[in-house]
């Protein structure tokens, strides 16, 4: 995502070019108040794509495997899920009422492909784009004006924003990070190996063995396990944590104590509903410059290819 100061400067320039739009600025301010970092918005988009893929039942992880009717339904789900997350009031003419102002919501998987209905003329639109392949998303506000639109040729007479007038969009978040779809972005050979075993437990073991140092969402776990008790398959007492421990692999979850271990090892910390796995080794002279964590009375580092597998330590108590 663009740094906040650069994005703010661009928005000032946009306002100067178009004239001050008090309603647009009021909606912009309210959305930034609700989610200045964009993390809540990004989570809604991630969850909506995962909802459509329905991996627990279908085993799907790729947008291209969706049926046409499912892809068509994506915009409605984004609209609904954003309203649930931010509790926007219902609009009278448009989808929402934000800061007391009517706002329509339009989502497109293809950047610039927002389909704007004729009744939105003169209103504000919240334009949303997300790509699972690029792991990026954007959202901006646009005042619908006739001269900035391509004329609709479909039976619904829906309109699109002319490419040369996309600079009229005031971006809230532009090219921000979309939480990664780990299965989609894995090496194909590793992904094939993950899905090869017949049991959900074996598939999860392979996932955490092959997708180390990457955040793995609960939805990915659900898709790989395809079992109702998928979370049980991650934990100790017979789950992936205990199965991979002899190989020296730790699986950290979203507990504060686990996040602390990840950070001390120099890894990104799991967010809510996420896991991260890594193979560790007892600290030795060739690890002197590596970050380490103290567990089970020993100092542990991320293992190098030269380190032989050794029994991983126990993770600290799971309190948030």
Protein backbone atom coordinates (compact mmCIF):
# COMPACT_ATOMS: atom_id res chain seq x y z
CA UNK A 1 0.00 0.00 0.00
CA UNK A 2 1.22 3.53 -0.69
CA UNK A 3 2.69 5.29 2.39
CA UNK A 4 0.00 7.35 4.12
CA UNK A 5 1.76 10.68 3.48
CA UNK A 6 2.12 9.99 -0.28
CA UNK A 7 -1.48 8.79 -0.55
CA UNK A 8 -2.69 11.85 1.34
CA UNK A 9 -0.75 14.14 -1.00
CA UNK A 10 -2.29 12.45 -4.03
CA UNK A 11 -5.75 12.87 -2.55
CA UNK A 12 -5.12 16.58 -1.95
CA UNK A 13 -4.12 16.96 -5.60
CA UNK A 14 -7.23 15.06 -6.65
CA UNK A 15 -9.45 17.34 -4.56
CA UNK A 16 -7.82 20.43 -6.05
CA UNK A 17 -8.38 19.12 -9.59
CA UNK A 18 -12.02 18.16 -9.12
CA UNK A 19 -13.22 20.78 -6.68
CA UNK A 20 -14.13 20.11 -3.09
CA UNK A 21 -16.73 17.36 -2.64
CA UNK A 22 -17.91 17.66 0.95
CA UNK A 23 -19.87 14.40 0.89
CA UNK A 24 -16.97 12.43 -0.56
CA UNK A 25 -14.61 13.87 2.05
CA UNK A 26 -17.04 13.05 4.86
CA UNK A 27 -17.33 9.42 3.73
CA UNK A 28 -13.56 9.22 3.26
CA UNK A 29 -12.97 10.52 6.80
CA UNK A 30 -15.48 8.07 8.30
CA UNK A 31 -13.99 5.04 6.54
CA UNK A 32 -10.49 6.03 7.60
CA UNK A 33 -11.72 6.47 11.15
CA UNK A 34 -13.15 2.96 11.08
CA UNK A 35 -10.11 1.32 9.50
CA UNK A 36 -7.08 3.56 9.02
CA UNK A 37 -4.76 0.61 8.32
CA UNK A 38 -7.16 -1.20 5.98
CA UNK A 39 -6.64 -4.47 7.85
CA UNK A 40 -10.32 -4.97 8.62
CA UNK A 41 -11.22 -4.31 4.99
CA UNK A 42 -8.54 -6.72 3.76
CA UNK A 43 -9.78 -9.42 6.14
CA UNK A 44 -13.31 -9.08 4.76
CA UNK A 45 -12.03 -9.53 1.21
CA UNK A 46 -9.92 -12.54 2.18
CA UNK A 47 -12.84 -14.14 4.01
CA UNK A 48 -15.23 -13.45 1.13
CA UNK A 49 -12.99 -15.11 -1.44
CA UNK A 50 -12.55 -18.07 0.91
CA UNK A 51 -16.31 -18.21 1.45
CA UNK A 52 -16.83 -18.52 -2.30
CA UNK A 53 -14.14 -21.20 -2.67
CA UNK A 54 -15.70 -23.17 0.22
CA UNK A 55 -12.53 -25.27 0.52
CA UNK A 56 -13.69 -27.42 3.41
CA UNK A 57 -16.36 -28.95 1.18
CA UNK A 58 -14.87 -28.55 -2.30
CA UNK A 59 -11.09 -28.59 -1.75
CA UNK A 60 -10.83 -25.55 -4.07
CA UNK A 61 -8.22 -22.82 -3.63
CA UNK A 62 -8.19 -21.14 -7.07
CA UNK A 63 -10.61 -18.41 -8.21
CA UNK A 64 -10.60 -19.86 -11.74
CA UNK A 65 -12.26 -23.04 -10.45
CA UNK A 66 -15.37 -21.10 -9.39
CA UNK A 67 -18.48 -21.43 -11.49
CA UNK A 68 -19.58 -18.37 -13.42
CA UNK A 69 -22.61 -17.98 -11.14
CA UNK A 70 -20.33 -18.02 -8.08
CA UNK A 71 -18.05 -15.33 -9.52
CA UNK A 72 -21.10 -13.24 -10.37
CA UNK A 73 -22.22 -13.56 -6.74
CA UNK A 74 -18.88 -12.24 -5.42
CA UNK A 75 -19.91 -8.59 -5.59
CA UNK A 76 -23.02 -9.22 -3.53
CA UNK A 77 -21.05 -11.10 -0.90
CA UNK A 78 -18.43 -8.33 -0.65
CA UNK A 79 -21.23 -5.80 -0.21
CA UNK A 80 -22.93 -7.89 2.50
CA UNK A 81 -19.75 -8.78 4.38
CA UNK A 82 -18.49 -5.19 4.44
CA UNK A 83 -21.81 -4.06 5.87
CA UNK A 84 -21.65 -6.75 8.55
CA UNK A 85 -18.07 -5.83 9.49
CA UNK A 86 -18.59 -2.08 9.66
CA UNK A 87 -22.34 -2.03 10.50
CA UNK A 88 -23.10 0.49 7.76
CA UNK A 89 -26.71 1.66 7.81
CA UNK A 90 -28.90 0.66 4.86
CA UNK A 91 -29.18 3.27 2.16
CA UNK A 92 -32.49 4.31 0.60
CA UNK A 93 -31.37 4.56 -3.03
CA UNK A 94 -27.88 3.03 -2.68
CA UNK A 95 -26.42 0.09 -0.72
CA UNK A 96 -25.19 1.95 2.35
CA UNK A 97 -25.49 5.15 4.30
CA UNK A 98 -22.04 6.19 5.56
CA UNK A 99 -21.69 9.37 7.58
CA UNK A 100 -25.31 9.97 6.63
CA UNK A 101 -24.51 9.87 2.91
CA UNK A 102 -25.79 7.38 0.30
CA UNK A 103 -22.97 5.16 -1.05
CA UNK A 104 -23.15 2.28 -3.53
CA UNK A 105 -20.65 -0.60 -3.33
CA UNK A 106 -19.14 -2.14 -6.45
CA UNK A 107 -16.58 -4.96 -6.49
CA UNK A 108 -14.58 -6.29 -9.43
CA UNK A 109 -12.03 -9.08 -9.68
CA UNK A 110 -10.60 -7.18 -12.68
CA UNK A 111 -9.24 -3.73 -11.94
CA UNK A 112 -11.41 -1.12 -13.66
CA UNK A 113 -14.24 -3.56 -14.31
CA UNK A 114 -16.73 -2.04 -11.87
CA UNK A 115 -20.27 -2.18 -13.31
CA UNK A 116 -22.14 0.94 -12.22
CA UNK A 117 -25.95 0.96 -12.62
CA UNK A 118 -27.71 3.96 -14.17
CA UNK A 119 -29.44 4.78 -10.87
CA UNK A 120 -26.04 5.48 -9.28
CA UNK A 121 -25.52 8.61 -11.42
CA UNK A 122 -24.72 11.52 -9.18
CA UNK A 123 -24.09 9.28 -6.17
CA UNK A 124 -20.88 8.14 -4.52
CA UNK A 125 -19.58 4.65 -5.22
CA UNK A 126 -17.18 2.65 -3.10
CA UNK A 127 -15.12 0.86 -5.77
CA UNK A 128 -13.37 -2.29 -4.58
CA UNK A 129 -10.88 -4.53 -6.36
CA UNK A 130 -9.02 -7.60 -5.13
CA UNK A 131 -6.85 -10.16 -6.87
CA UNK A 132 -5.92 -13.45 -5.24
CA UNK A 133 -3.24 -13.94 -7.89
CA UNK A 134 -1.51 -10.62 -7.17
CA UNK A 135 -2.34 -10.74 -3.42
CA UNK A 136 -3.34 -7.07 -3.73
CA UNK A 137 -6.50 -5.03 -3.23
CA UNK A 138 -7.70 -1.45 -3.57
CA UNK A 139 -10.74 0.57 -2.53
CA UNK A 140 -11.64 4.13 -3.44
CA UNK A 141 -14.48 6.62 -3.64
CA UNK A 142 -15.86 7.87 -6.94
CA UNK A 143 -18.50 10.47 -7.71
CA UNK A 144 -20.51 9.05 -10.62
CA UNK A 145 -20.62 11.60 -13.43
CA UNK A 146 -21.94 10.95 -16.92
CA UNK A 147 -18.87 12.35 -18.68
CA UNK A 148 -16.52 10.03 -16.77
CA UNK A 149 -18.32 6.84 -17.80
CA UNK A 150 -18.32 4.47 -20.74
CA UNK A 151 -21.87 4.03 -21.95
CA UNK A 152 -23.34 0.66 -21.09
CA UNK A 153 -23.89 -1.84 -23.87
CA UNK A 154 -25.33 -4.69 -21.78
CA UNK A 155 -29.03 -5.26 -21.20
CA UNK A 156 -28.85 -3.68 -17.73
CA UNK A 157 -27.27 -0.52 -19.21
CA UNK A 158 -24.54 -0.70 -16.58
CA UNK A 159 -21.60 1.65 -17.01
CA UNK A 160 -17.86 1.49 -16.41
CA UNK A 161 -15.37 4.20 -15.49
CA UNK A 162 -13.39 5.42 -18.49
CA UNK A 163 -9.73 4.43 -18.12
CA UNK A 164 -8.58 8.03 -18.48
CA UNK A 165 -10.90 9.08 -15.68
CA UNK A 166 -9.77 6.55 -13.09
CA UNK A 167 -7.68 9.40 -11.72
CA UNK A 168 -10.98 10.80 -10.42
CA UNK A 169 -11.10 7.99 -7.85
CA UNK A 170 -10.03 9.09 -4.38
CA UNK A 171 -8.24 6.06 -3.03
CA UNK A 172 -8.71 4.96 0.54
CA UNK A 173 -6.27 2.07 0.10
CA UNK A 174 -4.34 1.46 -3.12
CA UNK A 175 -2.50 -1.76 -3.99
CA UNK A 176 -2.59 -2.91 -0.38
CA UNK A 177 -1.53 -6.41 0.68
CA UNK A 178 -4.24 -9.06 0.54
CA UNK A 179 -3.55 -11.89 3.01
CA UNK A 180 -1.91 -14.61 0.94
CA UNK A 181 -3.76 -17.62 -0.38
CA UNK A 182 -0.94 -20.01 0.57
CA UNK A 183 -2.15 -22.94 -1.50
CA UNK A 184 -2.51 -20.83 -4.64
CA UNK A 185 1.02 -19.44 -4.34
CA UNK A 186 2.85 -22.61 -3.32
CA UNK A 187 5.28 -24.32 -5.65
CA UNK A 188 3.09 -26.67 -7.74
CA UNK A 189 5.18 -29.71 -6.79
CA UNK A 190 4.81 -28.91 -3.08
CA UNK A 191 1.07 -28.35 -3.49
CA UNK A 192 0.69 -31.68 -5.27
CA UNK A 193 2.58 -33.39 -2.45
CA UNK A 194 0.29 -31.75 0.13
CA UNK A 195 -2.87 -33.07 -1.52
CA UNK A 196 -1.48 -36.51 -2.37
CA UNK A 197 -2.00 -38.35 0.98
CA UNK A 198 -5.40 -39.99 1.51
CA UNK A 199 -6.04 -38.70 5.04
CA UNK A 200 -6.62 -35.14 6.20
CA UNK A 201 -4.06 -35.56 8.99
CA UNK A 202 -1.35 -36.65 6.57
CA UNK A 203 -2.16 -33.75 4.23
CA UNK A 204 -1.89 -31.24 7.08
CA UNK A 205 1.42 -32.72 8.21
CA UNK A 206 2.72 -32.27 4.67
CA UNK A 207 1.38 -28.71 4.50
CA UNK A 208 3.24 -27.59 7.62
CA UNK A 209 6.35 -29.45 6.48
CA UNK A 210 6.41 -27.78 3.05
CA UNK A 211 4.98 -24.30 3.72
CA UNK A 212 7.39 -23.22 6.43
CA UNK A 213 7.92 -19.56 7.44
CA UNK A 214 4.61 -18.57 5.80
CA UNK A 215 1.40 -17.56 7.48
CA UNK A 216 -1.16 -20.31 7.01
CA UNK A 217 -4.76 -19.31 7.56
CA UNK A 218 -7.41 -21.37 9.25
CA UNK A 219 -9.18 -21.57 5.90
CA UNK A 220 -6.13 -23.19 4.29
CA UNK A 221 -6.07 -25.73 7.11
CA UNK A 222 -9.77 -26.37 6.57
CA UNK A 223 -9.28 -26.80 2.81
CA UNK A 224 -6.40 -29.25 3.19
CA UNK A 225 -7.98 -31.28 6.01
CA UNK A 226 -11.53 -31.31 4.61
CA UNK A 227 -12.71 -32.48 8.01
CA UNK A 228 -15.04 -30.92 10.55
CA UNK A 229 -12.49 -31.31 13.36
CA UNK A 230 -9.70 -29.70 11.33
CA UNK A 231 -8.34 -27.65 14.26
CA UNK A 232 -7.76 -30.84 16.25
CA UNK A 233 -5.55 -32.01 13.40
CA UNK A 234 -3.13 -29.12 13.98
CA UNK A 235 -2.67 -29.40 17.74
CA UNK A 236 -0.54 -31.79 19.79
CA UNK A 237 -1.85 -35.08 21.15
CA UNK A 238 -1.84 -36.72 17.75
CA UNK A 239 -2.11 -33.66 15.50
CA UNK A 240 0.50 -32.08 13.22
CA UNK A 241 2.34 -30.47 16.15
CA UNK A 242 3.18 -33.83 17.68
CA UNK A 243 3.67 -35.58 14.32
CA UNK A 244 6.28 -33.08 13.12
CA UNK A 245 8.05 -32.51 16.42
CA UNK A 246 10.59 -35.35 15.82
CA UNK A 247 11.59 -33.53 12.62
CA UNK A 248 12.31 -30.40 14.66
CA UNK A 249 9.30 -28.51 13.31
CA UNK A 250 7.38 -26.07 15.51
CA UNK A 251 3.85 -24.95 14.60
CA UNK A 252 2.95 -21.65 16.24
CA UNK A 253 -0.61 -20.37 16.43
CA UNK A 254 -2.19 -17.03 17.23
CA UNK A 255 -1.59 -17.20 21.00
CA UNK A 256 0.46 -14.38 22.47
CA UNK A 257 3.10 -16.83 23.71
CA UNK A 258 3.41 -18.41 20.25
CA UNK A 259 3.59 -15.02 18.55
CA UNK A 260 6.43 -14.08 20.89
CA UNK A 261 8.36 -17.22 19.88
CA UNK A 262 7.88 -16.41 16.19
CA UNK A 263 9.10 -12.85 16.63
CA UNK A 264 12.16 -13.94 18.62
CA UNK A 265 13.08 -16.31 15.81
CA UNK A 266 12.79 -13.44 13.32
CA UNK A 267 9.56 -14.67 11.71
CA UNK A 268 6.34 -12.81 11.04
CA UNK A 269 3.89 -13.44 13.86
CA UNK A 270 0.66 -15.32 13.11
CA UNK A 271 -2.41 -13.11 13.00
CA UNK A 272 -5.81 -14.10 14.33
CA UNK A 273 -6.70 -17.56 13.01
CA UNK A 274 -3.24 -18.18 11.50
CA UNK A 275 -0.32 -20.57 12.01
CA UNK A 276 3.34 -20.55 11.03
CA UNK A 277 5.71 -23.52 11.01
CA UNK A 278 9.51 -23.68 11.03
CA UNK A 279 12.23 -26.24 11.62
CA UNK A 280 14.50 -25.35 14.53
CA UNK A 281 17.83 -26.55 15.91
CA UNK A 282 19.73 -26.05 19.14
CA UNK A 283 21.96 -23.01 18.91
CA UNK A 284 25.51 -23.92 17.88
CA UNK A 285 28.66 -21.92 16.98
CA UNK A 286 27.62 -21.60 13.33
CA UNK A 287 24.34 -19.97 14.50
CA UNK A 288 25.93 -17.14 16.49
CA UNK A 289 24.43 -14.35 14.36
CA UNK A 290 20.97 -15.94 14.17
CA UNK A 291 18.06 -14.78 16.34
CA UNK A 292 17.15 -17.32 18.98
CA UNK A 293 14.50 -18.20 21.53
CA UNK A 294 14.85 -19.97 24.87
CA UNK A 295 12.60 -23.04 25.18
CA UNK A 296 12.90 -26.10 27.43
CA UNK A 297 16.06 -24.66 28.96
CA UNK A 298 17.88 -24.47 25.60
CA UNK A 299 18.49 -21.80 22.98
CA UNK A 300 16.87 -22.54 19.61
CA UNK A 301 17.37 -21.01 16.15
CA UNK A 302 15.87 -21.60 12.73
CA UNK A 303 17.63 -24.68 11.39
CA UNK A 304 19.97 -24.42 8.43
CA UNK A 305 20.19 -27.12 5.72
CA UNK A 306 23.34 -28.40 7.47
CA UNK A 307 21.49 -29.05 10.75
CA UNK A 308 20.29 -32.61 11.23
CA UNK A 309 16.70 -33.06 12.45
CA UNK A 310 16.33 -33.12 16.22
CA UNK A 311 13.33 -33.25 18.52
CA UNK A 312 11.72 -29.82 18.68
CA UNK A 313 11.12 -28.19 22.07
CA UNK A 314 7.72 -27.72 23.62
CA UNK A 315 5.95 -24.45 22.91
CA UNK A 316 4.95 -22.26 25.87
CA UNK A 317 1.48 -22.30 27.36
CA UNK A 318 -1.32 -21.20 25.04
CA UNK A 319 -2.72 -18.03 26.59
CA UNK A 320 -3.88 -14.97 24.66
